[in-house]
């Protein structure tokens, strides 16, 4: 039932948008009773967030090419493509929205997402591609923050080329430094 409901959630979201993605619509699409959905997820927001998080994790595996730049460009290229979709924008909006009537699910969500990205940066530090004092979380926030700004605020285009340019710009500041000469 779980996988059918989560798949139906993504389908309804794609077809109806965030406003049209109700628990009733998802239950009908999944062929389950509405109370079953409420019993498992509690709220519409929890249901949508879990469905989109699962989709995000599947769409954005953490690559290991052997080069931090390639890993990050691949990872953030996938994020840019996802954010350019209705589902990606909905996921981003839900993950930053605060609802005082519900437990705040943003911190655990973002902590897990940032940690997935930080793994790539730590590997780059271990291989000597980046300075030992590089802050993995800050590198991930620097690239993702620009993508999120475009998705949520400016509406400027999102694509893989932008992601690669952002990765290059960010990594330039994290390269190992040679000691200054006399």
Protein backbone atom coordinates (compact mmCIF):
# COMPACT_ATOMS: atom_id res chain seq x y z
CA UNK A 1 0.00 0.00 0.00
CA UNK A 2 2.80 2.44 0.90
CA UNK A 3 4.46 2.36 -2.51
CA UNK A 4 1.10 2.63 -4.32
CA UNK A 5 0.10 5.67 -2.28
CA UNK A 6 3.47 7.38 -2.70
CA UNK A 7 3.45 6.77 -6.46
CA UNK A 8 -0.14 8.04 -6.68
CA UNK A 9 0.89 11.14 -4.71
CA UNK A 10 3.57 12.01 -7.25
CA UNK A 11 1.17 11.33 -10.13
CA UNK A 12 -1.57 13.52 -8.66
CA UNK A 13 0.94 16.24 -7.87
CA UNK A 14 2.19 16.16 -11.45
CA UNK A 15 -1.32 16.30 -12.91
CA UNK A 16 -3.11 18.56 -10.41
CA UNK A 17 -0.33 20.62 -8.86
CA UNK A 18 0.17 21.22 -5.15
CA UNK A 19 -3.30 22.71 -4.57
CA UNK A 20 -5.03 19.75 -6.21
CA UNK A 21 -3.05 17.14 -4.33
CA UNK A 22 -5.52 16.23 -1.62
CA UNK A 23 -5.57 13.10 0.50
CA UNK A 24 -8.86 12.15 -1.16
CA UNK A 25 -7.46 12.51 -4.66
CA UNK A 26 -4.38 10.47 -3.75
CA UNK A 27 -6.47 7.75 -2.07
CA UNK A 28 -8.71 7.44 -5.15
CA UNK A 29 -5.70 7.28 -7.47
CA UNK A 30 -4.04 4.63 -5.30
CA UNK A 31 -7.24 2.61 -4.85
CA UNK A 32 -7.18 2.81 -1.07
CA UNK A 33 -9.47 4.30 1.54
CA UNK A 34 -8.80 7.88 2.60
CA UNK A 35 -8.71 6.94 6.30
CA UNK A 36 -5.86 4.50 5.57
CA UNK A 37 -3.82 7.36 4.18
CA UNK A 38 -4.57 9.59 7.18
CA UNK A 39 -3.78 6.76 9.58
CA UNK A 40 -0.34 6.25 8.02
CA UNK A 41 0.72 9.85 7.23
CA UNK A 42 -1.48 12.01 9.45
CA UNK A 43 -1.50 15.04 7.16
CA UNK A 44 -1.47 15.90 3.49
CA UNK A 45 1.86 17.69 3.97
CA UNK A 46 3.51 14.63 5.53
CA UNK A 47 2.26 12.47 2.66
CA UNK A 48 3.53 14.83 -0.03
CA UNK A 49 6.85 15.38 1.71
CA UNK A 50 7.50 11.63 2.06
CA UNK A 51 6.52 10.95 -1.56
CA UNK A 52 8.71 13.70 -2.92
CA UNK A 53 11.60 12.90 -0.59
CA UNK A 54 11.59 9.32 -1.81
CA UNK A 55 11.51 10.57 -5.40
CA UNK A 56 14.35 13.01 -4.66
CA UNK A 57 16.53 10.34 -3.11
CA UNK A 58 15.95 8.04 -6.10
CA UNK A 59 16.60 10.86 -8.60
CA UNK A 60 19.74 12.04 -6.81
CA UNK A 61 22.00 9.19 -5.78
CA UNK A 62 25.32 10.30 -4.34
CA UNK A 63 27.86 9.72 -7.13
CA UNK A 64 31.43 8.55 -6.57
CA UNK A 65 33.40 9.24 -9.75
CA UNK A 66 36.72 9.67 -7.96
CA UNK A 67 36.70 13.45 -8.47
CA UNK A 68 34.87 15.87 -6.22
CA UNK A 69 34.09 18.30 -9.04
CA UNK A 70 32.48 15.58 -11.17
CA UNK A 71 30.56 14.20 -8.19
CA UNK A 72 29.18 17.60 -7.26
CA UNK A 73 28.40 18.60 -10.86
CA UNK A 74 26.49 15.34 -11.38
CA UNK A 75 24.65 15.64 -8.07
CA UNK A 76 23.68 19.29 -8.47
CA UNK A 77 22.87 18.83 -12.16
CA UNK A 78 20.29 16.25 -11.06
CA UNK A 79 19.00 18.68 -8.43
CA UNK A 80 18.68 21.48 -11.00
CA UNK A 81 16.71 19.19 -13.32
CA UNK A 82 14.44 18.13 -10.46
CA UNK A 83 13.86 21.69 -9.24
CA UNK A 84 12.81 22.65 -12.76
CA UNK A 85 9.82 20.27 -12.46
CA UNK A 86 6.52 20.81 -10.66
CA UNK A 87 7.39 18.02 -8.23
CA UNK A 88 10.79 19.51 -7.43
CA UNK A 89 9.37 22.95 -6.82
CA UNK A 90 6.63 21.48 -4.61
CA UNK A 91 9.19 19.51 -2.62
CA UNK A 92 11.31 22.59 -2.09
CA UNK A 93 8.32 24.69 -1.04
CA UNK A 94 7.09 22.04 1.39
CA UNK A 95 10.54 21.54 2.86
CA UNK A 96 10.95 25.21 3.72
CA UNK A 97 7.37 25.93 4.78
CA UNK A 98 6.69 26.17 8.47
CA UNK A 99 3.35 25.03 9.85
CA UNK A 100 2.95 25.80 13.56
CA UNK A 101 0.20 23.17 13.87
CA UNK A 102 2.57 20.34 12.88
CA UNK A 103 5.90 19.14 14.23
CA UNK A 104 8.69 20.95 12.42
CA UNK A 105 10.04 18.41 9.92
CA UNK A 106 12.45 20.80 8.22
CA UNK A 107 15.53 20.25 10.38
CA UNK A 108 15.66 16.45 10.03
CA UNK A 109 14.88 16.71 6.32
CA UNK A 110 17.60 19.29 5.59
CA UNK A 111 20.14 17.68 7.92
CA UNK A 112 19.84 14.42 5.99
CA UNK A 113 20.01 16.17 2.58
CA UNK A 114 23.08 18.22 3.55
CA UNK A 115 24.82 15.15 4.95
CA UNK A 116 24.28 13.26 1.69
CA UNK A 117 26.04 16.06 -0.17
CA UNK A 118 28.76 16.55 2.43
CA UNK A 119 29.94 12.97 1.88
CA UNK A 120 31.22 13.97 -1.57
CA UNK A 121 33.09 16.97 -0.21
CA UNK A 122 34.71 14.94 2.58
CA UNK A 123 35.94 12.43 -0.01
CA UNK A 124 37.45 15.34 -1.97
CA UNK A 125 39.25 16.55 1.16
CA UNK A 126 40.52 13.03 1.89
CA UNK A 127 41.91 12.75 -1.66
CA UNK A 128 43.66 16.14 -1.34
CA UNK A 129 41.47 17.79 -3.97
CA UNK A 130 40.21 20.32 -1.43
CA UNK A 131 41.84 22.13 1.46
CA UNK A 132 41.82 20.21 4.76
CA UNK A 133 39.82 22.95 6.47
CA UNK A 134 37.03 22.90 3.87
CA UNK A 135 33.60 23.00 5.50
CA UNK A 136 31.56 20.33 3.65
CA UNK A 137 28.21 21.76 4.74
CA UNK A 138 29.14 25.23 3.58
CA UNK A 139 30.17 23.95 0.14
CA UNK A 140 26.83 22.15 -0.25
CA UNK A 141 24.88 25.18 1.00
CA UNK A 142 26.77 27.50 -1.36
CA UNK A 143 25.78 25.53 -4.46
CA UNK A 144 22.30 24.48 -3.40
CA UNK A 145 21.44 27.94 -2.09
CA UNK A 146 21.89 29.48 -5.53
CA UNK A 147 19.73 26.75 -7.09
CA UNK A 148 17.04 27.23 -4.44
CA UNK A 149 17.08 31.00 -5.00
CA UNK A 150 16.34 30.47 -8.67
CA UNK A 151 13.62 27.93 -7.95
CA UNK A 152 11.86 29.92 -5.23
CA UNK A 153 12.58 33.58 -5.92
CA UNK A 154 13.99 34.66 -9.26
CA UNK A 155 12.53 32.07 -11.60
CA UNK A 156 15.73 32.22 -13.67
CA UNK A 157 16.48 29.04 -15.65
CA UNK A 158 17.79 25.95 -13.89
CA UNK A 159 19.98 23.53 -15.82
CA UNK A 160 23.02 21.30 -15.57
CA UNK A 161 25.32 23.98 -16.98
CA UNK A 162 24.34 26.36 -14.21
CA UNK A 163 25.00 23.63 -11.64
CA UNK A 164 28.47 22.97 -13.08
CA UNK A 165 29.30 26.69 -13.09
CA UNK A 166 28.18 26.99 -9.46
CA UNK A 167 30.26 23.96 -8.47
CA UNK A 168 33.33 25.42 -10.20
CA UNK A 169 32.80 28.81 -8.58
CA UNK A 170 32.40 27.26 -5.13
CA UNK A 171 35.29 24.82 -5.41
CA UNK A 172 37.69 27.52 -6.50
CA UNK A 173 37.45 28.87 -2.96
CA UNK A 174 38.02 25.41 -1.47
CA UNK A 175 41.16 24.48 -3.40
CA UNK A 176 44.26 23.72 -1.37
CA UNK A 177 46.30 26.89 -0.87
CA UNK A 178 49.98 27.05 -1.49
CA UNK A 179 51.97 28.89 1.15
CA UNK A 180 52.68 32.51 0.24
CA UNK A 181 56.23 33.13 -0.92
CA UNK A 182 58.70 35.52 0.72
